[in-house]
């Protein structure tokens, strides 16, 4: 049961982090051009970019691990 609870908490965190960055970027590009809204782009970028890089790194490590142990991918 503890494992299921941990999985659910991690999954919810991934959903929240995965949607917050794009929301900032969508609002930035959908709103009229305003010099004071420039922060929205950078907040969205700095939330989204690490999330994408980390997910790519995890995928790459998983692929290497599967190849090392001989599991079919």
N, C-alpha and C. Protein backbone atom coordinates (compact mmCIF):
# COMPACT_ATOMS: atom_id res chain seq x y z
N UNK A 1 0.82 -1.20 0.00
CA UNK A 1 0.00 0.00 0.00
C UNK A 1 0.86 1.26 0.00
N UNK A 2 1.99 1.20 0.71
CA UNK A 2 2.88 2.36 0.74
C UNK A 2 3.46 2.64 -0.64
N UNK A 3 3.72 1.59 -1.39
CA UNK A 3 4.26 1.77 -2.73
C UNK A 3 3.24 2.43 -3.65
N UNK A 4 1.99 2.02 -3.53
CA UNK A 4 0.93 2.64 -4.33
C UNK A 4 0.77 4.11 -3.98
N UNK A 5 0.81 4.42 -2.70
CA UNK A 5 0.68 5.81 -2.27
C UNK A 5 1.85 6.64 -2.81
N UNK A 6 3.06 6.11 -2.73
CA UNK A 6 4.24 6.82 -3.24
C UNK A 6 4.10 7.04 -4.75
N UNK A 7 3.64 6.02 -5.46
CA UNK A 7 3.45 6.14 -6.91
C UNK A 7 2.45 7.23 -7.24
N UNK A 8 1.34 7.26 -6.52
CA UNK A 8 0.29 8.26 -6.79
C UNK A 8 0.82 9.67 -6.52
N UNK A 9 1.56 9.85 -5.43
CA UNK A 9 2.12 11.17 -5.12
C UNK A 9 3.09 11.61 -6.21
N UNK A 10 3.97 10.72 -6.62
CA UNK A 10 4.93 11.06 -7.67
C UNK A 10 4.21 11.35 -8.98
N UNK A 11 3.19 10.58 -9.30
CA UNK A 11 2.44 10.81 -10.54
C UNK A 11 1.75 12.17 -10.51
N UNK A 12 1.16 12.54 -9.39
CA UNK A 12 0.52 13.86 -9.28
C UNK A 12 1.54 14.98 -9.43
N UNK A 13 2.73 14.81 -8.84
CA UNK A 13 3.77 15.82 -8.99
C UNK A 13 4.18 15.97 -10.45
N UNK A 14 4.30 14.86 -11.15
CA UNK A 14 4.66 14.90 -12.57
C UNK A 14 3.59 15.62 -13.38
N UNK A 15 2.32 15.34 -13.09
CA UNK A 15 1.24 16.02 -13.80
C UNK A 15 1.27 17.52 -13.55
N UNK A 16 1.48 17.93 -12.30
CA UNK A 16 1.50 19.36 -11.97
C UNK A 16 2.68 20.04 -12.64
N UNK A 17 3.87 19.48 -12.51
CA UNK A 17 5.05 20.09 -13.11
C UNK A 17 4.94 20.08 -14.63
N UNK A 18 4.36 19.04 -15.18
CA UNK A 18 4.24 18.93 -16.63
C UNK A 18 3.26 19.91 -17.24
N UNK A 19 2.29 20.41 -16.47
CA UNK A 19 1.29 21.31 -17.04
C UNK A 19 1.56 22.78 -16.70
N UNK A 20 2.29 23.05 -15.63
CA UNK A 20 2.49 24.44 -15.21
C UNK A 20 3.29 25.24 -16.23
N UNK A 21 4.39 24.68 -16.72
CA UNK A 21 5.22 25.39 -17.70
C UNK A 21 4.46 25.73 -18.97
N UNK A 22 3.78 24.76 -19.59
CA UNK A 22 3.02 25.08 -20.79
C UNK A 22 1.91 26.10 -20.55
N UNK A 23 1.30 26.10 -19.37
CA UNK A 23 0.27 27.10 -19.08
C UNK A 23 0.86 28.50 -19.13
N UNK A 24 2.02 28.69 -18.51
CA UNK A 24 2.68 30.00 -18.56
C UNK A 24 3.00 30.38 -20.00
N UNK A 25 3.50 29.44 -20.80
CA UNK A 25 3.86 29.75 -22.18
C UNK A 25 2.63 30.05 -23.03
N UNK A 26 1.55 29.30 -22.84
CA UNK A 26 0.32 29.56 -23.60
C UNK A 26 -0.24 30.93 -23.26
N UNK A 27 -0.28 31.26 -21.98
CA UNK A 27 -0.79 32.58 -21.56
C UNK A 27 0.10 33.68 -22.12
N UNK A 28 1.41 33.48 -22.12
CA UNK A 28 2.33 34.50 -22.63
C UNK A 28 2.08 34.75 -24.12
N UNK A 29 1.99 33.68 -24.91
CA UNK A 29 1.83 33.86 -26.35
C UNK A 29 0.40 34.23 -26.75
N UNK A 30 -0.58 33.90 -25.93
CA UNK A 30 -1.97 34.22 -26.26
C UNK A 30 -2.36 35.63 -25.85
N UNK A 31 -1.64 36.20 -24.90
CA UNK A 31 -1.99 37.55 -24.44
C UNK A 31 -1.40 38.59 -25.39
N UNK A 32 -2.00 39.78 -25.39
CA UNK A 32 -1.44 40.85 -26.23
C UNK A 32 -0.02 41.18 -25.77
N UNK A 33 0.76 41.66 -26.69
CA UNK A 33 2.15 41.96 -26.38
C UNK A 33 2.24 43.04 -25.30
N UNK A 34 2.85 42.68 -24.19
CA UNK A 34 3.00 43.58 -23.05
C UNK A 34 4.41 43.38 -22.50
N UNK A 35 5.22 44.44 -22.45
CA UNK A 35 6.59 44.28 -21.95
C UNK A 35 6.65 43.77 -20.50
N UNK A 36 5.62 44.04 -19.72
CA UNK A 36 5.62 43.59 -18.33
C UNK A 36 5.31 42.11 -18.19
N UNK A 37 4.84 41.46 -19.25
CA UNK A 37 4.49 40.03 -19.19
C UNK A 37 5.65 39.14 -19.63
N UNK A 38 6.81 39.74 -19.85
CA UNK A 38 7.97 38.98 -20.31
C UNK A 38 8.37 37.89 -19.32
N UNK A 39 8.12 38.12 -18.05
CA UNK A 39 8.47 37.14 -17.02
C UNK A 39 7.72 35.82 -17.23
N UNK A 40 6.51 35.88 -17.81
CA UNK A 40 5.71 34.67 -18.03
C UNK A 40 6.41 33.68 -18.95
N UNK A 41 7.09 34.22 -19.97
CA UNK A 41 7.83 33.35 -20.88
C UNK A 41 8.96 32.64 -20.15
N UNK A 42 9.73 33.40 -19.37
CA UNK A 42 10.89 32.82 -18.69
C UNK A 42 10.49 31.84 -17.60
N UNK A 43 9.42 32.14 -16.88
CA UNK A 43 8.94 31.20 -15.86
C UNK A 43 8.51 29.90 -16.54
N UNK A 44 7.74 30.01 -17.60
CA UNK A 44 7.29 28.82 -18.33
C UNK A 44 8.46 28.03 -18.90
N UNK A 45 9.43 28.75 -19.44
CA UNK A 45 10.60 28.09 -20.02
C UNK A 45 11.42 27.36 -18.96
N UNK A 46 11.67 28.03 -17.83
CA UNK A 46 12.52 27.43 -16.80
C UNK A 46 11.81 26.34 -16.01
N UNK A 47 10.51 26.24 -16.12
CA UNK A 47 9.79 25.10 -15.53
C UNK A 47 9.76 23.95 -16.52
N UNK A 48 9.51 24.26 -17.79
CA UNK A 48 9.31 23.21 -18.80
C UNK A 48 10.61 22.58 -19.28
N UNK A 49 11.63 23.39 -19.51
CA UNK A 49 12.88 22.86 -20.07
C UNK A 49 13.53 21.79 -19.19
N UNK A 50 13.70 22.03 -17.89
CA UNK A 50 14.29 20.96 -17.06
C UNK A 50 13.42 19.70 -17.02
N UNK A 51 12.11 19.87 -17.02
CA UNK A 51 11.23 18.70 -17.00
C UNK A 51 11.44 17.86 -18.26
N UNK A 52 11.58 18.51 -19.41
CA UNK A 52 11.82 17.77 -20.65
C UNK A 52 13.19 17.11 -20.65
N UNK A 53 14.20 17.83 -20.17
CA UNK A 53 15.55 17.26 -20.14
C UNK A 53 15.64 16.07 -19.18
N UNK A 54 15.01 16.18 -18.03
CA UNK A 54 15.03 15.08 -17.06
C UNK A 54 14.30 13.87 -17.62
N UNK A 55 13.16 14.09 -18.26
CA UNK A 55 12.42 12.95 -18.82
C UNK A 55 13.23 12.28 -19.92
N UNK A 56 13.93 13.05 -20.71
CA UNK A 56 14.78 12.47 -21.77
C UNK A 56 15.94 11.69 -21.16
N UNK A 57 16.54 12.22 -20.10
CA UNK A 57 17.64 11.54 -19.43
C UNK A 57 17.17 10.21 -18.83
N UNK A 58 16.01 10.22 -18.18
CA UNK A 58 15.48 8.99 -17.59
C UNK A 58 15.20 7.96 -18.68
N UNK A 59 14.66 8.39 -19.80
CA UNK A 59 14.39 7.48 -20.91
C UNK A 59 15.68 6.89 -21.46
N UNK A 60 16.70 7.71 -21.59
CA UNK A 60 17.99 7.25 -22.11
C UNK A 60 18.64 6.25 -21.17
N UNK A 61 18.62 6.54 -19.86
CA UNK A 61 19.20 5.63 -18.87
C UNK A 61 18.43 4.31 -18.86
N UNK A 62 17.12 4.38 -18.96
CA UNK A 62 16.32 3.16 -19.00
C UNK A 62 16.67 2.32 -20.22
N UNK A 63 16.85 2.96 -21.36
CA UNK A 63 17.22 2.25 -22.58
C UNK A 63 18.58 1.58 -22.41
N UNK A 64 19.55 2.29 -21.84
CA UNK A 64 20.87 1.71 -21.60
C UNK A 64 20.78 0.52 -20.65
N UNK A 65 19.98 0.66 -19.60
CA UNK A 65 19.83 -0.42 -18.62
C UNK A 65 19.21 -1.66 -19.27
N UNK A 66 18.18 -1.47 -20.07
CA UNK A 66 17.53 -2.61 -20.73
C UNK A 66 18.49 -3.31 -21.68
N UNK A 67 19.31 -2.55 -22.37
CA UNK A 67 20.28 -3.16 -23.28
C UNK A 67 21.36 -3.90 -22.49
N UNK A 68 21.75 -3.35 -21.33
CA UNK A 68 22.80 -3.97 -20.53
C UNK A 68 22.36 -5.31 -19.95
N UNK A 69 21.10 -5.41 -19.56
CA UNK A 69 20.63 -6.67 -18.97
C UNK A 69 20.04 -7.61 -20.01
N UNK A 70 19.98 -7.15 -21.25
CA UNK A 70 19.51 -8.01 -22.33
C UNK A 70 18.01 -8.08 -22.48
N UNK A 71 17.29 -7.14 -21.88
CA UNK A 71 15.83 -7.13 -22.01
C UNK A 71 15.46 -6.51 -23.35
N UNK A 72 14.43 -7.03 -23.96
CA UNK A 72 13.95 -6.47 -25.22
C UNK A 72 13.25 -5.15 -24.99
N UNK A 73 13.56 -4.20 -25.84
CA UNK A 73 12.93 -2.88 -25.70
C UNK A 73 11.86 -2.74 -26.74
